[in-house]
Amino acid sequence: MPLIQESKRSAVAEKCTKKSVLKTRYLNTIEKNLTHTRRGNKFTEKNICAIMKIRKYTRIGCGLMKIAIIGSAGSGKSTLARRIGEKLKLPVFHMDTLFWKPGWEAVSTEELTEKHDQILKNPSWVIDGNYHKVWGKRMEAADLIIFLDLPRATCLYRAIKRFFQYRKKTRPDMTVGCEEKLDWEFIRYIWKYPKTKRYYAIQVIEFLKYS
């Protein structure tokens, strides 16, 4: 990785600490679409941590951008990804569609890695989802990482609302043949996310904000 001048390091650290999106033409568009879907209110700075790699300003100036969106289930990752993709004319990929086969059959780690790495070869993309086993290359390749750090009660409410909205149907960001479901395992995942999974998101942001 190229070295970053101390002044630039300080600037990135300050902006990440304040949890604000850097002000470029593209990021202004993104910021306007960071919307709380429950009540239509914008996410507060406490709910968003977005970082950009300074070394890739030239790519963004050419209209090329790679965006990774992470966060708990029910945090709004897929909705935000679709909105950003529509506004910036970028291809959108959902990690859930890579991981699940019809009938909720999970793919192997090898197959997931192969699909995931193939998508990363595109010049631009918006990818939503976590899957820590394969996200290393995605985080490194991303120009912008958006972490939706919402309260677990909000995420659980959204997951329940989504279940009734798509009951006996497949939602747009899921593999065809995977009807919407809500079980105790999924509920526990959301409720325990702040203690069991949030750490990984914070860790990757702390590591990459200076890279």
N, C-alpha and C. Protein backbone atom coordinates (compact mmCIF):
# COMPACT_ATOMS: atom_id res chain seq x y z
N MET A 1 0.83 -1.20 0.00
CA MET A 1 0.00 0.00 0.00
C MET A 1 0.87 1.25 0.00
N PRO A 2 0.52 2.27 -0.75
CA PRO A 2 1.31 3.49 -0.77
C PRO A 2 1.20 4.23 0.55
N LEU A 3 2.28 4.93 0.93
CA LEU A 3 2.26 5.68 2.18
C LEU A 3 1.38 6.91 2.02
N ILE A 4 0.72 7.29 3.07
CA ILE A 4 -0.15 8.47 3.07
C ILE A 4 0.49 9.53 3.97
N GLN A 5 0.54 10.75 3.51
CA GLN A 5 1.13 11.82 4.29
C GLN A 5 0.38 11.98 5.60
N GLU A 6 1.09 12.46 6.63
CA GLU A 6 0.50 12.55 7.96
C GLU A 6 -0.74 13.43 7.96
N SER A 7 -0.70 14.52 7.18
CA SER A 7 -1.86 15.40 7.15
C SER A 7 -3.09 14.69 6.61
N LYS A 8 -2.86 13.84 5.60
CA LYS A 8 -3.98 13.10 5.05
C LYS A 8 -4.47 12.04 6.04
N ARG A 9 -3.53 11.43 6.76
CA ARG A 9 -3.92 10.47 7.79
C ARG A 9 -4.84 11.13 8.82
N SER A 10 -4.43 12.32 9.24
CA SER A 10 -5.22 13.04 10.24
C SER A 10 -6.60 13.39 9.71
N ALA A 11 -6.65 13.78 8.45
CA ALA A 11 -7.94 14.14 7.85
C ALA A 11 -8.87 12.95 7.80
N VAL A 12 -8.34 11.79 7.38
CA VAL A 12 -9.18 10.59 7.30
C VAL A 12 -9.65 10.18 8.69
N ALA A 13 -8.72 10.21 9.65
CA ALA A 13 -9.06 9.81 11.01
C ALA A 13 -10.16 10.71 11.58
N GLU A 14 -10.04 12.01 11.34
CA GLU A 14 -11.02 12.96 11.86
C GLU A 14 -12.39 12.71 11.26
N LYS A 15 -12.44 12.49 9.94
CA LYS A 15 -13.72 12.29 9.28
C LYS A 15 -14.35 10.98 9.71
N CYS A 16 -13.53 9.94 9.91
CA CYS A 16 -14.07 8.67 10.34
C CYS A 16 -14.57 8.75 11.78
N THR A 17 -13.84 9.51 12.63
CA THR A 17 -14.25 9.68 14.01
C THR A 17 -15.61 10.35 14.08
N LYS A 18 -15.83 11.33 13.23
CA LYS A 18 -17.11 12.03 13.19
C LYS A 18 -18.17 11.23 12.46
N LYS A 19 -17.76 10.09 11.85
CA LYS A 19 -18.69 9.22 11.13
C LYS A 19 -19.45 10.00 10.06
N SER A 20 -18.75 10.71 9.22
CA SER A 20 -19.38 11.46 8.14
C SER A 20 -18.86 10.99 6.81
N VAL A 21 -19.61 11.16 5.76
CA VAL A 21 -19.21 10.76 4.42
C VAL A 21 -18.45 11.89 3.77
N LEU A 22 -17.33 11.57 3.12
CA LEU A 22 -16.53 12.61 2.48
C LEU A 22 -17.33 13.30 1.39
N LYS A 23 -17.09 14.62 1.25
CA LYS A 23 -17.92 15.44 0.38
C LYS A 23 -17.39 15.49 -1.05
N THR A 24 -17.71 14.52 -1.81
CA THR A 24 -17.49 14.58 -3.25
C THR A 24 -18.85 14.55 -3.91
N ARG A 25 -18.87 14.75 -5.21
CA ARG A 25 -20.16 14.74 -5.91
C ARG A 25 -20.88 13.40 -5.72
N TYR A 26 -20.13 12.33 -5.78
CA TYR A 26 -20.72 11.01 -5.65
C TYR A 26 -21.15 10.74 -4.22
N LEU A 27 -20.32 11.14 -3.27
CA LEU A 27 -20.65 10.86 -1.88
C LEU A 27 -21.79 11.72 -1.37
N ASN A 28 -21.97 12.90 -1.93
CA ASN A 28 -23.14 13.69 -1.57
C ASN A 28 -24.41 12.95 -1.97
N THR A 29 -24.38 12.33 -3.13
CA THR A 29 -25.53 11.54 -3.59
C THR A 29 -25.77 10.37 -2.65
N ILE A 30 -24.70 9.71 -2.25
CA ILE A 30 -24.82 8.58 -1.33
C ILE A 30 -25.41 9.03 -0.01
N GLU A 31 -24.90 10.15 0.50
CA GLU A 31 -25.32 10.65 1.80
C GLU A 31 -26.82 10.95 1.82
N LYS A 32 -27.33 11.47 0.71
CA LYS A 32 -28.75 11.78 0.63
C LYS A 32 -29.61 10.53 0.67
N ASN A 33 -29.00 9.38 0.34
CA ASN A 33 -29.75 8.14 0.30
C ASN A 33 -29.54 7.25 1.52
N LEU A 34 -28.79 7.76 2.51
CA LEU A 34 -28.66 7.04 3.77
C LEU A 34 -29.91 7.34 4.60
N THR A 35 -30.98 6.66 4.26
CA THR A 35 -32.29 6.98 4.82
C THR A 35 -32.79 5.89 5.74
N HIS A 36 -33.33 6.29 6.85
CA HIS A 36 -33.94 5.36 7.78
C HIS A 36 -35.29 4.96 7.21
N THR A 37 -35.43 3.71 6.76
CA THR A 37 -36.64 3.31 6.05
C THR A 37 -37.86 3.19 6.95
N ARG A 38 -37.67 3.16 8.25
CA ARG A 38 -38.82 3.01 9.13
C ARG A 38 -39.64 4.30 9.19
N ARG A 39 -38.98 5.43 9.36
CA ARG A 39 -39.70 6.69 9.51
C ARG A 39 -39.29 7.74 8.48
N GLY A 40 -38.35 7.38 7.61
CA GLY A 40 -37.94 8.33 6.59
C GLY A 40 -36.94 9.34 7.10
N ASN A 41 -36.40 9.13 8.31
CA ASN A 41 -35.42 10.07 8.85
C ASN A 41 -34.02 9.66 8.40
N LYS A 42 -33.15 10.64 8.23
CA LYS A 42 -31.77 10.31 7.88
C LYS A 42 -31.07 9.64 9.05
N PHE A 43 -30.14 8.75 8.72
CA PHE A 43 -29.30 8.19 9.75
C PHE A 43 -28.52 9.32 10.40
N THR A 44 -28.32 9.21 11.71
CA THR A 44 -27.48 10.18 12.38
C THR A 44 -26.02 9.76 12.23
N GLU A 45 -25.10 10.62 12.60
CA GLU A 45 -23.69 10.30 12.49
C GLU A 45 -23.32 9.12 13.38
N LYS A 46 -24.10 8.85 14.42
CA LYS A 46 -23.83 7.72 15.29
C LYS A 46 -24.11 6.40 14.58
N ASN A 47 -24.93 6.43 13.54
CA ASN A 47 -25.32 5.20 12.85
C ASN A 47 -24.47 4.88 11.64
N ILE A 48 -23.62 5.80 11.23
CA ILE A 48 -22.87 5.62 9.98
C ILE A 48 -21.37 5.77 10.24
N CYS A 49 -20.59 4.88 9.70
CA CYS A 49 -19.15 5.09 9.63
C CYS A 49 -18.74 4.76 8.21
N ALA A 50 -18.34 5.76 7.47
CA ALA A 50 -17.94 5.56 6.08
C ALA A 50 -16.50 6.02 5.91
N ILE A 51 -15.70 5.23 5.25
CA ILE A 51 -14.31 5.60 5.02
C ILE A 51 -13.99 5.51 3.55
N MET A 52 -13.11 6.38 3.10
CA MET A 52 -12.68 6.35 1.71
C MET A 52 -11.17 6.33 1.65
N LYS A 53 -10.65 5.59 0.70
CA LYS A 53 -9.20 5.54 0.51
C LYS A 53 -8.78 6.70 -0.38
N ILE A 54 -7.95 7.57 0.17
CA ILE A 54 -7.54 8.78 -0.53
C ILE A 54 -6.87 8.47 -1.85
N ARG A 55 -6.13 7.37 -1.92
CA ARG A 55 -5.37 7.08 -3.11
C ARG A 55 -6.23 6.82 -4.33
N LYS A 56 -7.54 6.71 -4.17
CA LYS A 56 -8.36 6.34 -5.31
C LYS A 56 -9.27 7.48 -5.78
N TYR A 57 -8.94 8.71 -5.43
CA TYR A 57 -9.72 9.85 -5.91
C TYR A 57 -9.81 9.88 -7.43
N THR A 58 -8.74 9.48 -8.11
CA THR A 58 -8.73 9.55 -9.57
C THR A 58 -9.76 8.60 -10.17
N ARG A 59 -9.92 7.42 -9.57
CA ARG A 59 -10.93 6.48 -10.06
C ARG A 59 -12.32 7.08 -9.92
N ILE A 60 -12.58 7.70 -8.79
CA ILE A 60 -13.90 8.26 -8.52
C ILE A 60 -14.18 9.42 -9.47
N GLY A 61 -13.16 10.20 -9.74
CA GLY A 61 -13.31 11.31 -10.67
C GLY A 61 -13.70 10.84 -12.06
N CYS A 62 -13.34 9.61 -12.40
CA CYS A 62 -13.68 9.05 -13.71
C CYS A 62 -15.03 8.35 -13.69
N GLY A 63 -15.74 8.42 -12.58
CA GLY A 63 -17.04 7.79 -12.50
C GLY A 63 -16.99 6.32 -12.14
N LEU A 64 -15.82 5.84 -11.71
CA LEU A 64 -15.67 4.46 -11.29
C LEU A 64 -15.65 4.41 -9.78
N MET A 65 -16.36 3.44 -9.22
CA MET A 65 -16.39 3.37 -7.77
C MET A 65 -16.73 1.97 -7.32
N LYS A 66 -16.08 1.53 -6.25
CA LYS A 66 -16.36 0.24 -5.64
C LYS A 66 -16.79 0.48 -4.20
N ILE A 67 -17.99 0.07 -3.87
CA ILE A 67 -18.58 0.37 -2.58
C ILE A 67 -18.98 -0.92 -1.87
N ALA A 68 -18.54 -1.08 -0.63
CA ALA A 68 -18.92 -2.22 0.20
C ALA A 68 -19.80 -1.73 1.34
N ILE A 69 -20.93 -2.39 1.53
CA ILE A 69 -21.86 -2.01 2.60
C ILE A 69 -21.99 -3.19 3.55
N ILE A 70 -21.70 -2.95 4.83
CA ILE A 70 -21.73 -4.01 5.83
C ILE A 70 -22.61 -3.59 7.00
N GLY A 71 -22.96 -4.55 7.84
CA GLY A 71 -23.81 -4.26 8.99
C GLY A 71 -24.68 -5.46 9.33
N SER A 72 -25.41 -5.34 10.41
CA SER A 72 -26.27 -6.42 10.86
C SER A 72 -27.39 -6.71 9.87
N ALA A 73 -27.95 -7.90 9.95
CA ALA A 73 -29.15 -8.20 9.19
C ALA A 73 -30.25 -7.24 9.64
N GLY A 74 -31.02 -6.72 8.71
CA GLY A 74 -32.08 -5.78 9.05
C GLY A 74 -31.62 -4.34 9.18
N SER A 75 -30.35 -4.06 8.89
CA SER A 75 -29.84 -2.69 9.03
C SER A 75 -30.13 -1.84 7.79
N GLY A 76 -30.55 -2.47 6.70
CA GLY A 76 -30.88 -1.70 5.50
C GLY A 76 -29.80 -1.74 4.43
N LYS A 77 -28.91 -2.73 4.48
CA LYS A 77 -27.80 -2.81 3.54
C LYS A 77 -28.28 -2.93 2.09
N SER A 78 -29.19 -3.86 1.84
CA SER A 78 -29.65 -4.12 0.48
C SER A 78 -30.43 -2.94 -0.09
N THR A 79 -31.25 -2.32 0.74
CA THR A 79 -32.02 -1.15 0.30
C THR A 79 -31.09 -0.02 -0.09
N LEU A 80 -30.11 0.23 0.76
CA LEU A 80 -29.14 1.29 0.47
C LEU A 80 -28.34 0.97 -0.78
N ALA A 81 -27.94 -0.29 -0.93
CA ALA A 81 -27.17 -0.69 -2.11
C ALA A 81 -27.95 -0.44 -3.39
N ARG A 82 -29.22 -0.78 -3.39
CA ARG A 82 -30.04 -0.57 -4.58
C ARG A 82 -30.18 0.92 -4.90
N ARG A 83 -30.37 1.73 -3.87
CA ARG A 83 -30.52 3.17 -4.09
C ARG A 83 -29.25 3.80 -4.63
N ILE A 84 -28.12 3.41 -4.07
CA ILE A 84 -26.85 3.93 -4.56
C ILE A 84 -26.60 3.48 -5.99
N GLY A 85 -26.89 2.20 -6.26
CA GLY A 85 -26.71 1.68 -7.61
C GLY A 85 -27.54 2.42 -8.64
N GLU A 86 -28.79 2.74 -8.26
CA GLU A 86 -29.68 3.47 -9.18
C GLU A 86 -29.18 4.89 -9.41
N LYS A 87 -28.77 5.55 -8.34
CA LYS A 87 -28.34 6.95 -8.45
C LYS A 87 -27.03 7.10 -9.20
N LEU A 88 -26.09 6.21 -8.95
CA LEU A 88 -24.76 6.34 -9.53
C LEU A 88 -24.55 5.43 -10.75
N LYS A 89 -25.60 4.69 -11.12
CA LYS A 89 -25.52 3.81 -12.29
C LYS A 89 -24.41 2.77 -12.13
N LEU A 90 -24.37 2.15 -10.95
CA LEU A 90 -23.37 1.13 -10.66
C LEU A 90 -24.05 -0.23 -10.52
N PRO A 91 -23.38 -1.31 -10.92
CA PRO A 91 -23.96 -2.64 -10.75
C PRO A 91 -24.00 -3.02 -9.28
N VAL A 92 -25.09 -3.67 -8.86
CA VAL A 92 -25.29 -4.02 -7.46
C VAL A 92 -25.28 -5.54 -7.30
N PHE A 93 -24.57 -6.02 -6.28
CA PHE A 93 -24.49 -7.44 -6.00
C PHE A 93 -24.81 -7.67 -4.53
N HIS A 94 -25.65 -8.67 -4.27
CA HIS A 94 -26.04 -9.01 -2.90
C HIS A 94 -25.34 -10.31 -2.49
N MET A 95 -24.61 -10.29 -1.39
CA MET A 95 -23.89 -11.47 -0.95
C MET A 95 -24.83 -12.64 -0.66
N ASP A 96 -26.03 -12.36 -0.24
CA ASP A 96 -26.99 -13.44 0.05
C ASP A 96 -27.28 -14.28 -1.20
N THR A 97 -27.32 -13.63 -2.36
CA THR A 97 -27.61 -14.38 -3.59
C THR A 97 -26.42 -15.25 -3.99
N LEU A 98 -25.23 -14.91 -3.51
CA LEU A 98 -24.05 -15.73 -3.80
C LEU A 98 -23.97 -16.93 -2.86
N PHE A 99 -24.45 -16.75 -1.64
CA PHE A 99 -24.30 -17.77 -0.61
C PHE A 99 -25.40 -18.82 -0.64
N TRP A 100 -26.62 -18.41 -0.98
CA TRP A 100 -27.76 -19.33 -0.90
C TRP A 100 -28.18 -19.85 -2.27
N LYS A 101 -28.40 -21.15 -2.33
CA LYS A 101 -29.02 -21.78 -3.49
C LYS A 101 -30.52 -21.88 -3.23
N PRO A 102 -31.33 -22.14 -4.26
CA PRO A 102 -32.78 -22.31 -4.04
C PRO A 102 -33.06 -23.32 -2.93
N GLY A 103 -34.06 -23.00 -2.10
CA GLY A 103 -34.40 -23.89 -0.99
C GLY A 103 -33.52 -23.69 0.23
N TRP A 104 -32.84 -22.56 0.30
CA TRP A 104 -31.97 -22.21 1.43
C TRP A 104 -30.84 -23.22 1.63
N GLU A 105 -30.26 -23.65 0.53
CA GLU A 105 -29.10 -24.53 0.60
C GLU A 105 -27.84 -23.68 0.45
N ALA A 106 -26.97 -23.76 1.45
CA ALA A 106 -25.75 -22.94 1.44
C ALA A 106 -24.70 -23.53 0.51
N VAL A 107 -23.94 -22.65 -0.16
CA VAL A 107 -22.84 -23.11 -1.01
C VAL A 107 -21.61 -23.34 -0.15
N SER A 108 -20.64 -24.02 -0.70
CA SER A 108 -19.39 -24.24 0.02
C SER A 108 -18.58 -22.95 0.06
N THR A 109 -17.64 -22.87 0.98
CA THR A 109 -16.78 -21.70 1.07
C THR A 109 -15.98 -21.51 -0.22
N GLU A 110 -15.58 -22.61 -0.82
CA GLU A 110 -14.81 -22.55 -2.08
C GLU A 110 -15.65 -21.93 -3.19
N GLU A 111 -16.90 -22.37 -3.31
CA GLU A 111 -17.78 -21.84 -4.35
C GLU A 111 -18.10 -20.38 -4.10
N LEU A 112 -18.34 -20.03 -2.84
CA LEU A 112 -18.63 -18.64 -2.50
C LEU A 112 -17.43 -17.76 -2.83
N THR A 113 -16.25 -18.21 -2.49
CA THR A 113 -15.03 -17.45 -2.77
C THR A 113 -14.86 -17.22 -4.27
N GLU A 114 -15.11 -18.25 -5.06
CA GLU A 114 -14.97 -18.15 -6.51
C GLU A 114 -15.95 -17.12 -7.08
N LYS A 115 -17.21 -17.18 -6.67
CA LYS A 115 -18.21 -16.23 -7.15
C LYS A 115 -17.87 -14.81 -6.71
N HIS A 116 -17.48 -14.69 -5.45
CA HIS A 116 -17.16 -13.39 -4.87
C HIS A 116 -15.98 -12.74 -5.59
N ASP A 117 -14.92 -13.50 -5.80
CA ASP A 117 -13.72 -12.95 -6.43
C ASP A 117 -13.97 -12.59 -7.90
N GLN A 118 -14.88 -13.29 -8.54
CA GLN A 118 -15.21 -12.98 -9.93
C GLN A 118 -15.89 -11.61 -10.02
N ILE A 119 -16.76 -11.30 -9.07
CA ILE A 119 -17.44 -10.00 -9.03
C ILE A 119 -16.44 -8.87 -8.80
N LEU A 120 -15.46 -9.13 -7.96
CA LEU A 120 -14.47 -8.10 -7.64
C LEU A 120 -13.67 -7.66 -8.86
N LYS A 121 -13.67 -8.43 -9.91
CA LYS A 121 -12.93 -8.09 -11.12
C LYS A 121 -13.61 -6.99 -11.92
N ASN A 122 -14.89 -6.71 -11.64
CA ASN A 122 -15.59 -5.64 -12.34
C ASN A 122 -14.97 -4.29 -12.00
N PRO A 123 -14.97 -3.33 -12.94
CA PRO A 123 -14.37 -2.02 -12.68
C PRO A 123 -15.12 -1.21 -11.62
N SER A 124 -16.42 -1.47 -11.48
CA SER A 124 -17.23 -0.78 -10.47
C SER A 124 -18.24 -1.76 -9.89
N TRP A 125 -18.61 -1.56 -8.64
CA TRP A 125 -19.64 -2.38 -8.03
C TRP A 125 -20.11 -1.79 -6.70
N VAL A 126 -21.31 -2.21 -6.33
CA VAL A 126 -21.83 -1.99 -4.98
C VAL A 126 -22.16 -3.37 -4.45
N ILE A 127 -21.53 -3.77 -3.37
CA ILE A 127 -21.76 -5.10 -2.79
C ILE A 127 -22.25 -4.93 -1.35
N ASP A 128 -23.40 -5.51 -1.05
CA ASP A 128 -23.89 -5.46 0.33
C ASP A 128 -23.84 -6.85 0.95
N GLY A 129 -23.51 -6.88 2.21
CA GLY A 129 -23.43 -8.15 2.92
C GLY A 129 -22.11 -8.29 3.65
N ASN A 130 -22.06 -9.28 4.54
CA ASN A 130 -20.89 -9.47 5.37
C ASN A 130 -20.07 -10.67 4.91
N TYR A 131 -20.34 -11.84 5.49
CA TYR A 131 -19.63 -13.08 5.16
C TYR A 131 -18.12 -12.89 5.36
N HIS A 132 -17.74 -12.89 6.63
CA HIS A 132 -16.38 -12.57 7.02
C HIS A 132 -15.32 -13.48 6.42
N LYS A 133 -15.69 -14.70 6.10
CA LYS A 133 -14.71 -15.64 5.56
C LYS A 133 -14.15 -15.18 4.21
N VAL A 134 -14.92 -14.37 3.49
CA VAL A 134 -14.47 -13.97 2.15
C VAL A 134 -14.36 -12.45 1.97
N TRP A 135 -14.58 -11.68 3.01
CA TRP A 135 -14.68 -10.24 2.78
C TRP A 135 -13.34 -9.50 2.76
N GLY A 136 -12.25 -10.18 3.03
CA GLY A 136 -10.95 -9.51 3.07
C GLY A 136 -10.60 -8.79 1.77
N LYS A 137 -10.71 -9.49 0.64
CA LYS A 137 -10.40 -8.89 -0.65
C LYS A 137 -11.37 -7.77 -0.99
N ARG A 138 -12.63 -7.94 -0.61
CA ARG A 138 -13.64 -6.92 -0.89
C ARG A 138 -13.35 -5.63 -0.15
N MET A 139 -13.00 -5.73 1.12
CA MET A 139 -12.69 -4.55 1.91
C MET A 139 -11.46 -3.83 1.36
N GLU A 140 -10.47 -4.60 0.94
CA GLU A 140 -9.25 -4.02 0.41
C GLU A 140 -9.49 -3.34 -0.93
N ALA A 141 -10.37 -3.92 -1.75
CA ALA A 141 -10.63 -3.37 -3.09
C ALA A 141 -11.57 -2.17 -3.07
N ALA A 142 -12.37 -2.04 -2.02
CA ALA A 142 -13.40 -1.00 -1.98
C ALA A 142 -12.80 0.40 -1.88
N ASP A 143 -13.40 1.34 -2.63
CA ASP A 143 -13.07 2.75 -2.50
C ASP A 143 -13.78 3.34 -1.29
N LEU A 144 -14.95 2.80 -1.01
CA LEU A 144 -15.78 3.30 0.09
C LEU A 144 -16.38 2.13 0.83
N ILE A 145 -16.27 2.15 2.15
CA ILE A 145 -16.90 1.13 3.00
C ILE A 145 -17.91 1.83 3.89
N ILE A 146 -19.14 1.38 3.83
CA ILE A 146 -20.21 1.96 4.66
C ILE A 146 -20.65 0.91 5.67
N PHE A 147 -20.51 1.23 6.94
CA PHE A 147 -20.93 0.35 8.03
C PHE A 147 -22.21 0.91 8.63
N LEU A 148 -23.32 0.20 8.48
CA LEU A 148 -24.59 0.62 9.05
C LEU A 148 -24.68 0.06 10.46
N ASP A 149 -24.40 0.91 11.43
CA ASP A 149 -24.27 0.50 12.82
C ASP A 149 -25.52 0.92 13.58
N LEU A 150 -26.60 0.20 13.38
CA LEU A 150 -27.89 0.56 13.97
C LEU A 150 -28.17 -0.25 15.23
N PRO A 151 -29.05 0.25 16.09
CA PRO A 151 -29.43 -0.50 17.29
C PRO A 151 -30.06 -1.84 16.90
N ARG A 152 -29.83 -2.86 17.69
CA ARG A 152 -30.35 -4.19 17.36
C ARG A 152 -31.87 -4.23 17.36
N ALA A 153 -32.50 -3.41 18.19
CA ALA A 153 -33.96 -3.38 18.21
C ALA A 153 -34.51 -2.89 16.87
N THR A 154 -33.84 -1.89 16.29
CA THR A 154 -34.24 -1.37 14.97
C THR A 154 -34.07 -2.45 13.91
N CYS A 155 -32.96 -3.16 13.95
CA CYS A 155 -32.69 -4.21 12.97
C CYS A 155 -33.70 -5.35 13.10
N LEU A 156 -34.03 -5.71 14.32
CA LEU A 156 -34.99 -6.78 14.54
C LEU A 156 -36.38 -6.37 14.06
N TYR A 157 -36.76 -5.14 14.35
CA TYR A 157 -38.05 -4.62 13.88
C TYR A 157 -38.13 -4.70 12.36
N ARG A 158 -37.07 -4.30 11.69
CA ARG A 158 -37.06 -4.32 10.23
C ARG A 158 -37.13 -5.73 9.68
N ALA A 159 -36.43 -6.67 10.33
CA ALA A 159 -36.44 -8.05 9.88
C ALA A 159 -37.85 -8.65 10.01
N ILE A 160 -38.53 -8.33 11.10
CA ILE A 160 -39.90 -8.82 11.29
C ILE A 160 -40.84 -8.19 10.26
N LYS A 161 -40.68 -6.90 10.05
CA LYS A 161 -41.50 -6.19 9.05
C LYS A 161 -41.27 -6.77 7.66
N ARG A 162 -40.01 -7.06 7.34
CA ARG A 162 -39.67 -7.64 6.04
C ARG A 162 -40.27 -9.02 5.87
N PHE A 163 -40.31 -9.79 6.95
CA PHE A 163 -40.88 -11.13 6.89
C PHE A 163 -42.34 -11.08 6.47
N PHE A 164 -43.10 -10.19 7.07
CA PHE A 164 -44.52 -10.08 6.71
C PHE A 164 -44.71 -9.47 5.33
N GLN A 165 -43.82 -8.59 4.95
CA GLN A 165 -43.91 -7.97 3.63
C GLN A 165 -43.68 -8.99 2.51
N TYR A 166 -42.74 -9.92 2.72
CA TYR A 166 -42.38 -10.88 1.68
C TYR A 166 -42.75 -12.32 2.05
N ARG A 167 -43.66 -12.49 2.95
CA ARG A 167 -44.05 -13.84 3.39
C ARG A 167 -44.52 -14.68 2.19
N LYS A 168 -43.96 -15.88 2.07
CA LYS A 168 -44.24 -16.82 0.97
C LYS A 168 -43.79 -16.28 -0.38
N LYS A 169 -42.89 -15.30 -0.34
CA LYS A 169 -42.32 -14.75 -1.56
C LYS A 169 -40.80 -14.63 -1.37
N THR A 170 -40.10 -14.39 -2.47
CA THR A 170 -38.66 -14.16 -2.41
C THR A 170 -38.39 -12.68 -2.58
N ARG A 171 -37.66 -12.09 -1.66
CA ARG A 171 -37.39 -10.66 -1.76
C ARG A 171 -36.37 -10.40 -2.87
N PRO A 172 -36.28 -9.18 -3.37
CA PRO A 172 -35.45 -8.85 -4.54
C PRO A 172 -33.96 -9.15 -4.35
N ASP A 173 -33.47 -9.09 -3.13
CA ASP A 173 -32.03 -9.27 -2.89
C ASP A 173 -31.67 -10.68 -2.44
N MET A 174 -32.58 -11.64 -2.68
CA MET A 174 -32.34 -13.02 -2.28
C MET A 174 -32.44 -13.94 -3.48
N THR A 175 -31.81 -15.08 -3.41
CA THR A 175 -31.84 -16.07 -4.48
C THR A 175 -33.27 -16.53 -4.74
N VAL A 176 -33.64 -16.64 -6.00
CA VAL A 176 -34.97 -17.14 -6.35
C VAL A 176 -35.13 -18.55 -5.80
N GLY A 177 -36.27 -18.80 -5.16
CA GLY A 177 -36.49 -20.11 -4.55
C GLY A 177 -36.24 -20.12 -3.06
N CYS A 178 -35.81 -18.99 -2.52
CA CYS A 178 -35.63 -18.85 -1.07
C CYS A 178 -36.72 -17.93 -0.54
N GLU A 179 -37.84 -18.51 -0.17
CA GLU A 179 -38.95 -17.71 0.36
C GLU A 179 -38.54 -17.11 1.71
N GLU A 180 -39.03 -15.93 1.95
CA GLU A 180 -38.68 -15.21 3.17
C GLU A 180 -39.03 -16.04 4.40
N LYS A 181 -38.09 -16.08 5.35
CA LYS A 181 -38.34 -16.83 6.58
C LYS A 181 -37.79 -16.07 7.77
N LEU A 182 -38.29 -16.40 8.92
CA LEU A 182 -37.83 -15.78 10.17
C LEU A 182 -37.89 -16.84 11.25
N ASP A 183 -36.72 -17.29 11.69
CA ASP A 183 -36.68 -18.31 12.74
C ASP A 183 -35.87 -17.79 13.92
N TRP A 184 -35.84 -18.59 14.98
CA TRP A 184 -35.18 -18.16 16.20
C TRP A 184 -33.67 -17.99 16.02
N GLU A 185 -33.10 -18.81 15.15
CA GLU A 185 -31.68 -18.69 14.88
C GLU A 185 -31.34 -17.33 14.28
N PHE A 186 -32.18 -16.87 13.36
CA PHE A 186 -31.96 -15.57 12.73
C PHE A 186 -32.20 -14.44 13.72
N ILE A 187 -33.22 -14.60 14.55
CA ILE A 187 -33.51 -13.59 15.57
C ILE A 187 -32.34 -13.48 16.56
N ARG A 188 -31.80 -14.61 16.96
CA ARG A 188 -30.64 -14.61 17.88
C ARG A 188 -29.44 -13.95 17.22
N TYR A 189 -29.25 -14.21 15.92
CA TYR A 189 -28.13 -13.61 15.20
C TYR A 189 -28.21 -12.08 15.27
N ILE A 190 -29.38 -11.54 15.00
CA ILE A 190 -29.56 -10.09 15.03
C ILE A 190 -29.35 -9.55 16.45
N TRP A 191 -29.93 -10.22 17.43
CA TRP A 191 -29.87 -9.72 18.80
C TRP A 191 -28.45 -9.77 19.37
N LYS A 192 -27.69 -10.79 18.96
CA LYS A 192 -26.34 -10.94 19.48
C LYS A 192 -25.29 -10.25 18.61
N TYR A 193 -25.70 -9.69 17.47
CA TYR A 193 -24.75 -9.08 16.54
C TYR A 193 -23.83 -8.05 17.22
N PRO A 194 -24.35 -7.15 18.05
CA PRO A 194 -23.45 -6.14 18.66
C PRO A 194 -22.32 -6.76 19.47
N LYS A 195 -22.54 -7.94 20.04
CA LYS A 195 -21.52 -8.56 20.88
C LYS A 195 -20.67 -9.58 20.13
N THR A 196 -21.24 -10.20 19.08
CA THR A 196 -20.52 -11.29 18.43
C THR A 196 -19.94 -10.95 17.06
N LYS A 197 -20.56 -10.01 16.32
CA LYS A 197 -20.14 -9.73 14.95
C LYS A 197 -19.69 -8.29 14.72
N ARG A 198 -20.21 -7.37 15.49
CA ARG A 198 -19.90 -5.95 15.28
C ARG A 198 -18.39 -5.70 15.38
N TYR A 199 -17.74 -6.47 16.22
CA TYR A 199 -16.30 -6.34 16.42
C TYR A 199 -15.54 -6.42 15.10
N TYR A 200 -15.95 -7.35 14.23
CA TYR A 200 -15.24 -7.54 12.97
C TYR A 200 -15.35 -6.30 12.08
N ALA A 201 -16.53 -5.67 12.06
CA ALA A 201 -16.73 -4.47 11.26
C ALA A 201 -15.87 -3.33 11.78
N ILE A 202 -15.86 -3.14 13.08
CA ILE A 202 -15.04 -2.09 13.69
C ILE A 202 -13.57 -2.34 13.41
N GLN A 203 -13.17 -3.59 13.49
CA GLN A 203 -11.78 -3.95 13.28
C GLN A 203 -11.31 -3.62 11.86
N VAL A 204 -12.15 -3.98 10.87
CA VAL A 204 -11.75 -3.75 9.48
C VAL A 204 -11.71 -2.26 9.17
N ILE A 205 -12.61 -1.48 9.77
CA ILE A 205 -12.61 -0.03 9.56
C ILE A 205 -11.37 0.60 10.18
N GLU A 206 -11.04 0.18 11.38
CA GLU A 206 -9.85 0.72 12.04
C GLU A 206 -8.59 0.39 11.26
N PHE A 207 -8.55 -0.80 10.67
CA PHE A 207 -7.38 -1.22 9.92
C PHE A 207 -7.25 -0.48 8.58
N LEU A 208 -8.37 -0.29 7.90
CA LEU A 208 -8.34 0.24 6.53
C LEU A 208 -8.42 1.75 6.45
N LYS A 209 -8.78 2.43 7.51
CA LYS A 209 -8.98 3.87 7.37
C LYS A 209 -7.68 4.61 7.09
N TYR A 210 -6.55 3.98 7.36
CA TYR A 210 -5.26 4.59 7.07
C TYR A 210 -4.60 4.02 5.83
N SER A 211 -5.23 3.03 5.18
CA SER A 211 -4.57 2.35 4.07
C SER A 211 -4.82 3.05 2.75
